[in-house]
Amino acid sequence: MAAAQTGLLGLGLWIALFVVYWRAGRALSPPLRHLTEGMLAVMLVAGIANTILTERTEGVLFAFFSGLAFAELSERAARARAERRAGPDGGAADDDAAEPLARAA
């Protein structure tokens, strides 16, 4: 159905979206990976008969659950950045930064 409405370029981008979605979902923890695989399966099956991403309710649900699942990757990246900033000894790189917080408490 996507090819009929958007042409071959649209179909190619639609397939690319789902390939990237599936590959990124493989990096998630098992419960969230199952959520992304389930959402992908629903979108692919429903997309055979209808362009489901353009429907308001289905598109919003897809975006909501995608954001919910892929937030884990953002959290991992933030944790990795914090570990890199901490330095090789595992402590804070700048102990003076914690001092104002101790005084405020």
PDB file of N, CA and C in Angstrom:
ATOM      1  N   MET A   1       0.826  -1.186   0.000  1.00  0.00           N
ATOM      2  CA  MET A   1       0.000   0.000   0.000  1.00  0.00           C
ATOM      3  C   MET A   1       0.872   1.253   0.000  1.00  0.00           C
ATOM      4  N   ALA A   2       2.022   1.195   0.667  1.00  0.00           N
ATOM      5  CA  ALA A   2       2.889   2.373   0.739  1.00  0.00           C
ATOM      6  C   ALA A   2       3.423   2.737  -0.635  1.00  0.00           C
ATOM      7  N   ALA A   3       3.700   1.745  -1.462  1.00  0.00           N
ATOM      8  CA  ALA A   3       4.217   2.020  -2.804  1.00  0.00           C
ATOM      9  C   ALA A   3       3.150   2.700  -3.666  1.00  0.00           C
ATOM     10  N   ALA A   4       1.909   2.331  -3.470  1.00  0.00           N
ATOM     11  CA  ALA A   4       0.837   2.944  -4.260  1.00  0.00           C
ATOM     12  C   ALA A   4       0.639   4.414  -3.893  1.00  0.00           C
ATOM     13  N   GLN A   5       0.868   4.761  -2.656  1.00  0.00           N
ATOM     14  CA  GLN A   5       0.633   6.135  -2.217  1.00  0.00           C
ATOM     15  C   GLN A   5       1.872   7.020  -2.322  1.00  0.00           C
ATOM     16  N   THR A   6       3.064   6.442  -2.116  1.00  0.00           N
ATOM     17  CA  THR A   6       4.265   7.278  -2.065  1.00  0.00           C
ATOM     18  C   THR A   6       5.290   6.961  -3.145  1.00  0.00           C
ATOM     19  N   GLY A   7       5.042   5.934  -3.934  1.00  0.00           N
ATOM     20  CA  GLY A   7       5.979   5.576  -4.992  1.00  0.00           C
ATOM     21  C   GLY A   7       7.107   4.686  -4.477  1.00  0.00           C
ATOM     22  N   LEU A   8       8.029   4.373  -5.359  1.00  0.00           N
ATOM     23  CA  LEU A   8       9.123   3.476  -4.988  1.00  0.00           C
ATOM     24  C   LEU A   8      10.059   4.111  -3.964  1.00  0.00           C
ATOM     25  N   LEU A   9      10.279   5.416  -4.057  1.00  0.00           N
ATOM     26  CA  LEU A   9      11.122   6.087  -3.078  1.00  0.00           C
ATOM     27  C   LEU A   9      10.503   5.988  -1.686  1.00  0.00           C
ATOM     28  N   GLY A  10       9.218   6.225  -1.581  1.00  0.00           N
ATOM     29  CA  GLY A  10       8.527   6.110  -0.300  1.00  0.00           C
ATOM     30  C   GLY A  10       8.570   4.694   0.245  1.00  0.00           C
ATOM     31  N   LEU A  11       8.399   3.704  -0.625  1.00  0.00           N
ATOM     32  CA  LEU A  11       8.480   2.317  -0.199  1.00  0.00           C
ATOM     33  C   LEU A  11       9.879   1.983   0.302  1.00  0.00           C
ATOM     34  N   GLY A  12      10.888   2.472  -0.401  1.00  0.00           N
ATOM     35  CA  GLY A  12      12.266   2.230   0.025  1.00  0.00           C
ATOM     36  C   GLY A  12      12.557   2.849   1.383  1.00  0.00           C
ATOM     37  N   LEU A  13      12.081   4.069   1.606  1.00  0.00           N
ATOM     38  CA  LEU A  13      12.284   4.714   2.900  1.00  0.00           C
ATOM     39  C   LEU A  13      11.506   4.012   4.007  1.00  0.00           C
ATOM     40  N   TRP A  14      10.311   3.523   3.683  1.00  0.00           N
ATOM     41  CA  TRP A  14       9.496   2.799   4.647  1.00  0.00           C
ATOM     42  C   TRP A  14      10.197   1.513   5.078  1.00  0.00           C
ATOM     43  N   ILE A  15      10.752   0.788   4.108  1.00  0.00           N
ATOM     44  CA  ILE A  15      11.493  -0.447   4.416  1.00  0.00           C
ATOM     45  C   ILE A  15      12.752  -0.118   5.207  1.00  0.00           C
ATOM     46  N   ALA A  16      13.456   0.951   4.825  1.00  0.00           N
ATOM     47  CA  ALA A  16      14.665   1.349   5.549  1.00  0.00           C
ATOM     48  C   ALA A  16      14.347   1.702   7.002  1.00  0.00           C
ATOM     49  N   LEU A  17      13.213   2.368   7.237  1.00  0.00           N
ATOM     50  CA  LEU A  17      12.803   2.698   8.601  1.00  0.00           C
ATOM     51  C   LEU A  17      12.671   1.434   9.432  1.00  0.00           C
ATOM     52  N   PHE A  18      12.017   0.434   8.904  1.00  0.00           N
ATOM     53  CA  PHE A  18      11.800  -0.786   9.667  1.00  0.00           C
ATOM     54  C   PHE A  18      13.072  -1.606   9.828  1.00  0.00           C
ATOM     55  N   VAL A  19      13.965  -1.563   8.872  1.00  0.00           N
ATOM     56  CA  VAL A  19      15.252  -2.265   9.017  1.00  0.00           C
ATOM     57  C   VAL A  19      16.070  -1.614  10.126  1.00  0.00           C
ATOM     58  N   VAL A  20      16.149  -0.305  10.130  1.00  0.00           N
ATOM     59  CA  VAL A  20      16.887   0.408  11.180  1.00  0.00           C
ATOM     60  C   VAL A  20      16.231   0.174  12.537  1.00  0.00           C
ATOM     61  N   TYR A  21      14.915   0.194  12.572  1.00  0.00           N
ATOM     62  CA  TYR A  21      14.169  -0.048  13.806  1.00  0.00           C
ATOM     63  C   TYR A  21      14.480  -1.436  14.359  1.00  0.00           C
ATOM     64  N   TRP A  22      14.485  -2.436  13.491  1.00  0.00           N
ATOM     65  CA  TRP A  22      14.766  -3.811  13.918  1.00  0.00           C
ATOM     66  C   TRP A  22      16.205  -3.942  14.407  1.00  0.00           C
ATOM     67  N   ARG A  23      17.156  -3.364  13.684  1.00  0.00           N
ATOM     68  CA  ARG A  23      18.567  -3.477  14.071  1.00  0.00           C
ATOM     69  C   ARG A  23      18.837  -2.756  15.385  1.00  0.00           C
ATOM     70  N   ALA A  24      18.249  -1.590  15.580  1.00  0.00           N
ATOM     71  CA  ALA A  24      18.440  -0.864  16.838  1.00  0.00           C
ATOM     72  C   ALA A  24      17.757  -1.600  17.996  1.00  0.00           C
ATOM     73  N   GLY A  25      16.646  -2.234  17.732  1.00  0.00           N
ATOM     74  CA  GLY A  25      15.938  -2.984  18.756  1.00  0.00           C
ATOM     75  C   GLY A  25      16.707  -4.183  19.267  1.00  0.00           C
ATOM     76  N   ARG A  26      17.626  -4.711  18.472  1.00  0.00           N
ATOM     77  CA  ARG A  26      18.422  -5.857  18.896  1.00  0.00           C
ATOM     78  C   ARG A  26      19.387  -5.492  20.022  1.00  0.00           C
ATOM     79  N   ALA A  27      19.672  -4.213  20.227  1.00  0.00           N
ATOM     80  CA  ALA A  27      20.590  -3.773  21.281  1.00  0.00           C
ATOM     81  C   ALA A  27      19.887  -3.559  22.619  1.00  0.00           C
ATOM     82  N   LEU A  28      18.581  -3.734  22.668  1.00  0.00           N
ATOM     83  CA  LEU A  28      17.823  -3.481  23.891  1.00  0.00           C
ATOM     84  C   LEU A  28      17.800  -4.708  24.792  1.00  0.00           C
ATOM     85  N   SER A  29      17.393  -4.503  26.050  1.00  0.00           N
ATOM     86  CA  SER A  29      17.208  -5.619  26.966  1.00  0.00           C
ATOM     87  C   SER A  29      16.042  -6.478  26.469  1.00  0.00           C
ATOM     88  N   PRO A  30      15.986  -7.754  26.878  1.00  0.00           N
ATOM     89  CA  PRO A  30      14.946  -8.651  26.335  1.00  0.00           C
ATOM     90  C   PRO A  30      13.508  -8.145  26.422  1.00  0.00           C
ATOM     91  N   PRO A  31      13.026  -7.590  27.544  1.00  0.00           N
ATOM     92  CA  PRO A  31      11.625  -7.140  27.536  1.00  0.00           C
ATOM     93  C   PRO A  31      11.364  -6.023  26.529  1.00  0.00           C
ATOM     94  N   LEU A  32      12.287  -5.073  26.434  1.00  0.00           N
ATOM     95  CA  LEU A  32      12.093  -3.976  25.487  1.00  0.00           C
ATOM     96  C   LEU A  32      12.328  -4.427  24.053  1.00  0.00           C
ATOM     97  N   ARG A  33      13.226  -5.386  23.870  1.00  0.00           N
ATOM     98  CA  ARG A  33      13.437  -5.940  22.528  1.00  0.00           C
ATOM     99  C   ARG A  33      12.173  -6.633  22.042  1.00  0.00           C
ATOM    100  N   HIS A  34      11.499  -7.356  22.947  1.00  0.00           N
ATOM    101  CA  HIS A  34      10.242  -8.013  22.570  1.00  0.00           C
ATOM    102  C   HIS A  34       9.156  -6.980  22.244  1.00  0.00           C
ATOM    103  N   LEU A  35       9.147  -5.875  22.978  1.00  0.00           N
ATOM    104  CA  LEU A  35       8.191  -4.806  22.688  1.00  0.00           C
ATOM    105  C   LEU A  35       8.431  -4.230  21.292  1.00  0.00           C
ATOM    106  N   THR A  36       9.687  -3.958  20.964  1.00  0.00           N
ATOM    107  CA  THR A  36       9.972  -3.387  19.643  1.00  0.00           C
ATOM    108  C   THR A  36       9.692  -4.393  18.533  1.00  0.00           C
ATOM    109  N   GLU A  37      10.005  -5.657  18.757  1.00  0.00           N
ATOM    110  CA  GLU A  37       9.710  -6.671  17.740  1.00  0.00           C
ATOM    111  C   GLU A  37       8.205  -6.824  17.541  1.00  0.00           C
ATOM    112  N   GLY A  38       7.450  -6.766  18.635  1.00  0.00           N
ATOM    113  CA  GLY A  38       5.989  -6.853  18.531  1.00  0.00           C
ATOM    114  C   GLY A  38       5.409  -5.657  17.791  1.00  0.00           C
ATOM    115  N   MET A  39       5.890  -4.460  18.122  1.00  0.00           N
ATOM    116  CA  MET A  39       5.411  -3.259  17.423  1.00  0.00           C
ATOM    117  C   MET A  39       5.759  -3.328  15.941  1.00  0.00           C
ATOM    118  N   LEU A  40       6.952  -3.795  15.637  1.00  0.00           N
ATOM    119  CA  LEU A  40       7.366  -3.917  14.243  1.00  0.00           C
ATOM    120  C   LEU A  40       6.493  -4.925  13.504  1.00  0.00           C
ATOM    121  N   ALA A  41       6.205  -6.051  14.141  1.00  0.00           N
ATOM    122  CA  ALA A  41       5.352  -7.061  13.506  1.00  0.00           C
ATOM    123  C   ALA A  41       3.950  -6.520  13.245  1.00  0.00           C
ATOM    124  N   VAL A  42       3.406  -5.808  14.205  1.00  0.00           N
ATOM    125  CA  VAL A  42       2.074  -5.224  14.039  1.00  0.00           C
ATOM    126  C   VAL A  42       2.068  -4.228  12.891  1.00  0.00           C
ATOM    127  N   MET A  43       3.080  -3.370  12.856  1.00  0.00           N
ATOM    128  CA  MET A  43       3.143  -2.359  11.800  1.00  0.00           C
ATOM    129  C   MET A  43       3.324  -2.986  10.419  1.00  0.00           C
ATOM    130  N   LEU A  44       4.123  -4.033  10.338  1.00  0.00           N
ATOM    131  CA  LEU A  44       4.331  -4.681   9.038  1.00  0.00           C
ATOM    132  C   LEU A  44       3.076  -5.398   8.564  1.00  0.00           C
ATOM    133  N   VAL A  45       2.414  -6.126   9.451  1.00  0.00           N
ATOM    134  CA  VAL A  45       1.206  -6.857   9.057  1.00  0.00           C
ATOM    135  C   VAL A  45       0.081  -5.881   8.715  1.00  0.00           C
ATOM    136  N   ALA A  46      -0.108  -4.876   9.550  1.00  0.00           N
ATOM    137  CA  ALA A  46      -1.166  -3.900   9.292  1.00  0.00           C
ATOM    138  C   ALA A  46      -0.828  -3.044   8.070  1.00  0.00           C
ATOM    139  N   GLY A  47       0.456  -2.849   7.809  1.00  0.00           N
ATOM    140  CA  GLY A  47       0.875  -2.035   6.678  1.00  0.00           C
ATOM    141  C   GLY A  47       0.645  -2.684   5.327  1.00  0.00           C
ATOM    142  N   ILE A  48       0.353  -3.973   5.310  1.00  0.00           N
ATOM    143  CA  ILE A  48       0.058  -4.651   4.044  1.00  0.00           C
ATOM    144  C   ILE A  48      -1.227  -4.089   3.439  1.00  0.00           C
ATOM    145  N   ALA A  49      -2.205  -3.822   4.293  1.00  0.00           N
ATOM    146  CA  ALA A  49      -3.498  -3.366   3.796  1.00  0.00           C
ATOM    147  C   ALA A  49      -3.716  -1.868   3.926  1.00  0.00           C
ATOM    148  N   ASN A  50      -2.909  -1.193   4.720  1.00  0.00           N
ATOM    149  CA  ASN A  50      -3.150   0.213   4.994  1.00  0.00           C
ATOM    150  C   ASN A  50      -1.816   0.887   5.325  1.00  0.00           C
ATOM    151  N   THR A  51      -1.696   2.156   5.040  1.00  0.00           N
ATOM    152  CA  THR A  51      -0.500   2.890   5.452  1.00  0.00           C
ATOM    153  C   THR A  51      -0.709   3.321   6.894  1.00  0.00           C
ATOM    154  N   ILE A  52      -0.363   2.439   7.786  1.00  0.00           N
ATOM    155  CA  ILE A  52      -0.737   2.586   9.193  1.00  0.00           C
ATOM    156  C   ILE A  52      -0.014   3.730   9.885  1.00  0.00           C
ATOM    157  N   LEU A  53       1.172   4.092   9.449  1.00  0.00           N
ATOM    158  CA  LEU A  53       1.892   5.182  10.099  1.00  0.00           C
ATOM    159  C   LEU A  53       1.245   6.535   9.858  1.00  0.00           C
ATOM    160  N   THR A  54       0.441   6.653   8.812  1.00  0.00           N
ATOM    161  CA  THR A  54      -0.220   7.924   8.548  1.00  0.00           C
ATOM    162  C   THR A  54      -1.539   8.061   9.301  1.00  0.00           C
ATOM    163  N   GLU A  55      -2.018   6.981   9.889  1.00  0.00           N
ATOM    164  CA  GLU A  55      -3.227   7.047  10.718  1.00  0.00           C
ATOM    165  C   GLU A  55      -2.858   7.681  12.057  1.00  0.00           C
ATOM    166  N   ARG A  56      -3.691   8.545  12.554  1.00  0.00           N
ATOM    167  CA  ARG A  56      -3.348   9.307  13.754  1.00  0.00           C
ATOM    168  C   ARG A  56      -3.095   8.420  14.969  1.00  0.00           C
ATOM    169  N   THR A  57      -4.035   7.587  15.333  1.00  0.00           N
ATOM    170  CA  THR A  57      -3.908   6.789  16.551  1.00  0.00           C
ATOM    171  C   THR A  57      -2.761   5.795  16.459  1.00  0.00           C
ATOM    172  N   GLU A  58      -2.684   5.068  15.365  1.00  0.00           N
ATOM    173  CA  GLU A  58      -1.649   4.057  15.222  1.00  0.00           C
ATOM    174  C   GLU A  58      -0.263   4.681  15.132  1.00  0.00           C
ATOM    175  N   GLY A  59      -0.151   5.787  14.440  1.00  0.00           N
ATOM    176  CA  GLY A  59       1.135   6.474  14.335  1.00  0.00           C
ATOM    177  C   GLY A  59       1.619   7.001  15.674  1.00  0.00           C
ATOM    178  N   VAL A  60       0.698   7.542  16.475  1.00  0.00           N
ATOM    179  CA  VAL A  60       1.062   8.051  17.801  1.00  0.00           C
ATOM    180  C   VAL A  60       1.456   6.900  18.717  1.00  0.00           C
ATOM    181  N   LEU A  61       0.731   5.789  18.664  1.00  0.00           N
ATOM    182  CA  LEU A  61       1.100   4.625  19.479  1.00  0.00           C
ATOM    183  C   LEU A  61       2.471   4.085  19.087  1.00  0.00           C
ATOM    184  N   PHE A  62       2.741   4.031  17.793  1.00  0.00           N
ATOM    185  CA  PHE A  62       4.045   3.565  17.326  1.00  0.00           C
ATOM    186  C   PHE A  62       5.144   4.495  17.840  1.00  0.00           C
ATOM    187  N   ALA A  63       4.947   5.789  17.750  1.00  0.00           N
ATOM    188  CA  ALA A  63       5.948   6.750  18.222  1.00  0.00           C
ATOM    189  C   ALA A  63       6.112   6.675  19.738  1.00  0.00           C
ATOM    190  N   PHE A  64       5.012   6.539  20.475  1.00  0.00           N
ATOM    191  CA  PHE A  64       5.077   6.480  21.933  1.00  0.00           C
ATOM    192  C   PHE A  64       5.847   5.252  22.397  1.00  0.00           C
ATOM    193  N   PHE A  65       5.471   4.079  21.895  1.00  0.00           N
ATOM    194  CA  PHE A  65       6.137   2.859  22.335  1.00  0.00           C
ATOM    195  C   PHE A  65       7.579   2.784  21.839  1.00  0.00           C
ATOM    196  N   SER A  66       7.860   3.374  20.696  1.00  0.00           N
ATOM    197  CA  SER A  66       9.241   3.431  20.216  1.00  0.00           C
ATOM    198  C   SER A  66      10.083   4.293  21.140  1.00  0.00           C
ATOM    199  N   GLY A  67       9.562   5.449  21.521  1.00  0.00           N
ATOM    200  CA  GLY A  67      10.279   6.311  22.453  1.00  0.00           C
ATOM    201  C   GLY A  67      10.467   5.663  23.801  1.00  0.00           C
ATOM    202  N   LEU A  68       9.460   4.958  24.268  1.00  0.00           N
ATOM    203  CA  LEU A  68       9.537   4.250  25.539  1.00  0.00           C
ATOM    204  C   LEU A  68      10.631   3.192  25.504  1.00  0.00           C
ATOM    205  N   ALA A  69      10.688   2.429  24.440  1.00  0.00           N
ATOM    206  CA  ALA A  69      11.667   1.345  24.338  1.00  0.00           C
ATOM    207  C   ALA A  69      13.084   1.874  24.110  1.00  0.00           C
ATOM    208  N   PHE A  70      13.226   2.810  23.196  1.00  0.00           N
ATOM    209  CA  PHE A  70      14.570   3.264  22.827  1.00  0.00           C
ATOM    210  C   PHE A  70      15.148   4.271  23.813  1.00  0.00           C
ATOM    211  N   ALA A  71      14.396   4.677  24.833  1.00  0.00           N
ATOM    212  CA  ALA A  71      14.952   5.537  25.885  1.00  0.00           C
ATOM    213  C   ALA A  71      16.054   4.811  26.634  1.00  0.00           C
ATOM    214  N   GLU A  72      15.992   3.486  26.654  1.00  0.00           N
ATOM    215  CA  GLU A  72      17.043   2.708  27.311  1.00  0.00           C
ATOM    216  C   GLU A  72      18.404   2.960  26.661  1.00  0.00           C
ATOM    217  N   LEU A  73      18.440   3.099  25.353  1.00  0.00           N
ATOM    218  CA  LEU A  73      19.709   3.360  24.672  1.00  0.00           C
ATOM    219  C   LEU A  73      20.263   4.717  25.064  1.00  0.00           C
ATOM    220  N   SER A  74      19.401   5.705  25.228  1.00  0.00           N
ATOM    221  CA  SER A  74      19.831   7.032  25.652  1.00  0.00           C
ATOM    222  C   SER A  74      20.377   6.986  27.075  1.00  0.00           C
ATOM    223  N   GLU A  75      19.732   6.220  27.929  1.00  0.00           N
ATOM    224  CA  GLU A  75      20.186   6.088  29.311  1.00  0.00           C
ATOM    225  C   GLU A  75      21.559   5.413  29.359  1.00  0.00           C
ATOM    226  N   ARG A  76      21.752   4.385  28.550  1.00  0.00           N
ATOM    227  CA  ARG A  76      23.057   3.720  28.498  1.00  0.00           C
ATOM    228  C   ARG A  76      24.147   4.665  28.020  1.00  0.00           C
ATOM    229  N   ALA A  77      23.835   5.468  27.008  1.00  0.00           N
ATOM    230  CA  ALA A  77      24.818   6.413  26.485  1.00  0.00           C
ATOM    231  C   ALA A  77      25.180   7.455  27.535  1.00  0.00           C
ATOM    232  N   ALA A  78      24.204   7.939  28.274  1.00  0.00           N
ATOM    233  CA  ALA A  78      24.471   8.927  29.324  1.00  0.00           C
ATOM    234  C   ALA A  78      25.329   8.318  30.421  1.00  0.00           C
ATOM    235  N   ARG A  79      25.049   7.079  30.771  1.00  0.00           N
ATOM    236  CA  ARG A  79      25.844   6.400  31.795  1.00  0.00           C
ATOM    237  C   ARG A  79      27.280   6.197  31.322  1.00  0.00           C
ATOM    238  N   ALA A  80      27.466   5.841  30.065  1.00  0.00           N
ATOM    239  CA  ALA A  80      28.808   5.651  29.524  1.00  0.00           C
ATOM    240  C   ALA A  80      29.579   6.973  29.501  1.00  0.00           C
ATOM    241  N   ARG A  81      28.905   8.076  29.145  1.00  0.00           N
ATOM    242  CA  ARG A  81      29.565   9.396  29.167  1.00  0.00           C
ATOM    243  C   ARG A  81      29.988   9.762  30.582  1.00  0.00           C
ATOM    244  N   ALA A  82      29.132   9.474  31.552  1.00  0.00           N
ATOM    245  CA  ALA A  82      29.456   9.794  32.944  1.00  0.00           C
ATOM    246  C   ALA A  82      30.650   8.965  33.421  1.00  0.00           C
ATOM    247  N   GLU A  83      30.716   7.708  33.001  1.00  0.00           N
ATOM    248  CA  GLU A  83      31.848   6.861  33.387  1.00  0.00           C
ATOM    249  C   GLU A  83      33.141   7.350  32.748  1.00  0.00           C
ATOM    250  N   ARG A  84      33.062   7.826  31.502  1.00  0.00           N
ATOM    251  CA  ARG A  84      34.259   8.346  30.849  1.00  0.00           C
ATOM    252  C   ARG A  84      34.743   9.614  31.523  1.00  0.00           C
ATOM    253  N   ARG A  85      33.815  10.453  31.967  1.00  0.00           N
ATOM    254  CA  ARG A  85      34.187  11.696  32.642  1.00  0.00           C
ATOM    255  C   ARG A  85      34.775  11.433  34.022  1.00  0.00           C
ATOM    256  N   ALA A  86      34.371  10.330  34.650  1.00  0.00           N
ATOM    257  CA  ALA A  86      34.830  10.024  35.999  1.00  0.00           C
ATOM    258  C   ALA A  86      36.323   9.726  36.020  1.00  0.00           C
ATOM    259  N   GLY A  87      36.860   9.324  34.920  1.00  0.00           N
ATOM    260  CA  GLY A  87      38.282   9.032  34.863  1.00  0.00           C
ATOM    261  C   GLY A  87      38.558   7.558  35.100  1.00  0.00           C
ATOM    262  N   PRO A  88      39.823   7.171  34.938  1.00  0.00           N
ATOM    263  CA  PRO A  88      40.171   5.751  35.034  1.00  0.00           C
ATOM    264  C   PRO A  88      40.106   5.208  36.456  1.00  0.00           C
ATOM    265  N   ASP A  89      40.219   6.075  37.497  1.00  0.00           N
ATOM    266  CA  ASP A  89      40.201   5.578  38.869  1.00  0.00           C
ATOM    267  C   ASP A  89      38.788   5.325  39.386  1.00  0.00           C
ATOM    268  N   GLY A  90      37.779   5.714  38.617  1.00  0.00           N
ATOM    269  CA  GLY A  90      36.395   5.468  38.996  1.00  0.00           C
ATOM    270  C   GLY A  90      35.809   6.531  39.892  1.00  0.00           C
ATOM    271  N   GLY A  91      36.631   7.444  40.363  1.00  0.00           N
ATOM    272  CA  GLY A  91      36.148   8.528  41.218  1.00  0.00           C
ATOM    273  C   GLY A  91      35.800   9.741  40.388  1.00  0.00           C
ATOM    274  N   ALA A  92      35.368  10.770  41.045  1.00  0.00           N
ATOM    275  CA  ALA A  92      35.046  12.008  40.341  1.00  0.00           C
ATOM    276  C   ALA A  92      36.324  12.654  39.853  1.00  0.00           C
ATOM    277  N   ALA A  93      36.309  13.188  38.665  1.00  0.00           N
ATOM    278  CA  ALA A  93      37.487  13.818  38.098  1.00  0.00           C
ATOM    279  C   ALA A  93      37.809  15.102  38.849  1.00  0.00           C
ATOM    280  N   ASP A  94      36.814  15.756  39.402  1.00  0.00           N
ATOM    281  CA  ASP A  94      37.011  17.005  40.114  1.00  0.00           C
ATOM    282  C   ASP A  94      36.270  16.920  41.450  1.00  0.00           C
ATOM    283  N   ASP A  95      37.006  16.641  42.528  1.00  0.00           N
ATOM    284  CA  ASP A  95      36.368  16.489  43.833  1.00  0.00           C
ATOM    285  C   ASP A  95      35.812  17.801  44.357  1.00  0.00           C
ATOM    286  N   ASP A  96      36.308  18.933  43.870  1.00  0.00           N
ATOM    287  CA  ASP A  96      35.809  20.227  44.312  1.00  0.00           C
ATOM    288  C   ASP A  96      34.382  20.461  43.865  1.00  0.00           C
ATOM    289  N   ALA A  97      33.941  19.776  42.826  1.00  0.00           N
ATOM    290  CA  ALA A  97      32.579  19.960  42.310  1.00  0.00           C
ATOM    291  C   ALA A  97      31.538  19.460  43.298  1.00  0.00           C
ATOM    292  N   ALA A  98      31.859  18.468  44.102  1.00  0.00           N
ATOM    293  CA  ALA A  98      30.914  17.924  45.075  1.00  0.00           C
ATOM    294  C   ALA A  98      30.854  18.757  46.353  1.00  0.00           C
ATOM    295  N   GLU A  99      31.852  19.567  46.594  1.00  0.00           N
ATOM    296  CA  GLU A  99      31.922  20.358  47.813  1.00  0.00           C
ATOM    297  C   GLU A  99      30.751  21.325  47.988  1.00  0.00           C
ATOM    298  N   PRO A 100      30.357  22.120  46.975  1.00  0.00           N
ATOM    299  CA  PRO A 100      29.209  23.021  47.155  1.00  0.00           C
ATOM    300  C   PRO A 100      27.916  22.279  47.485  1.00  0.00           C
ATOM    301  N   LEU A 101      27.763  21.070  46.947  1.00  0.00           N
ATOM    302  CA  LEU A 101      26.556  20.292  47.239  1.00  0.00           C
ATOM    303  C   LEU A 101      26.544  19.863  48.692  1.00  0.00           C
ATOM    304  N   ALA A 102      27.708  19.527  49.229  1.00  0.00           N
ATOM    305  CA  ALA A 102      27.780  19.095  50.629  1.00  0.00           C
ATOM    306  C   ALA A 102      27.466  20.270  51.553  1.00  0.00           C
ATOM    307  N   ARG A 103      27.927  21.466  51.198  1.00  0.00           N
ATOM    308  CA  ARG A 103      27.649  22.649  52.006  1.00  0.00           C
ATOM    309  C   ARG A 103      26.172  23.015  51.973  1.00  0.00           C
ATOM    310  N   ALA A 104      25.512  22.812  50.822  1.00  0.00           N
ATOM    311  CA  ALA A 104      24.107  23.183  50.668  1.00  0.00           C
ATOM    312  C   ALA A 104      23.204  22.267  51.486  1.00  0.00           C
ATOM    313  N   ALA A 105      23.624  21.040  51.699  1.00  0.00           N
ATOM    314  CA  ALA A 105      22.796  20.079  52.421  1.00  0.00           C
ATOM    315  C   ALA A 105      22.953  20.273  53.865  1.00  0.00           C
TER     316      ALA A 105
END
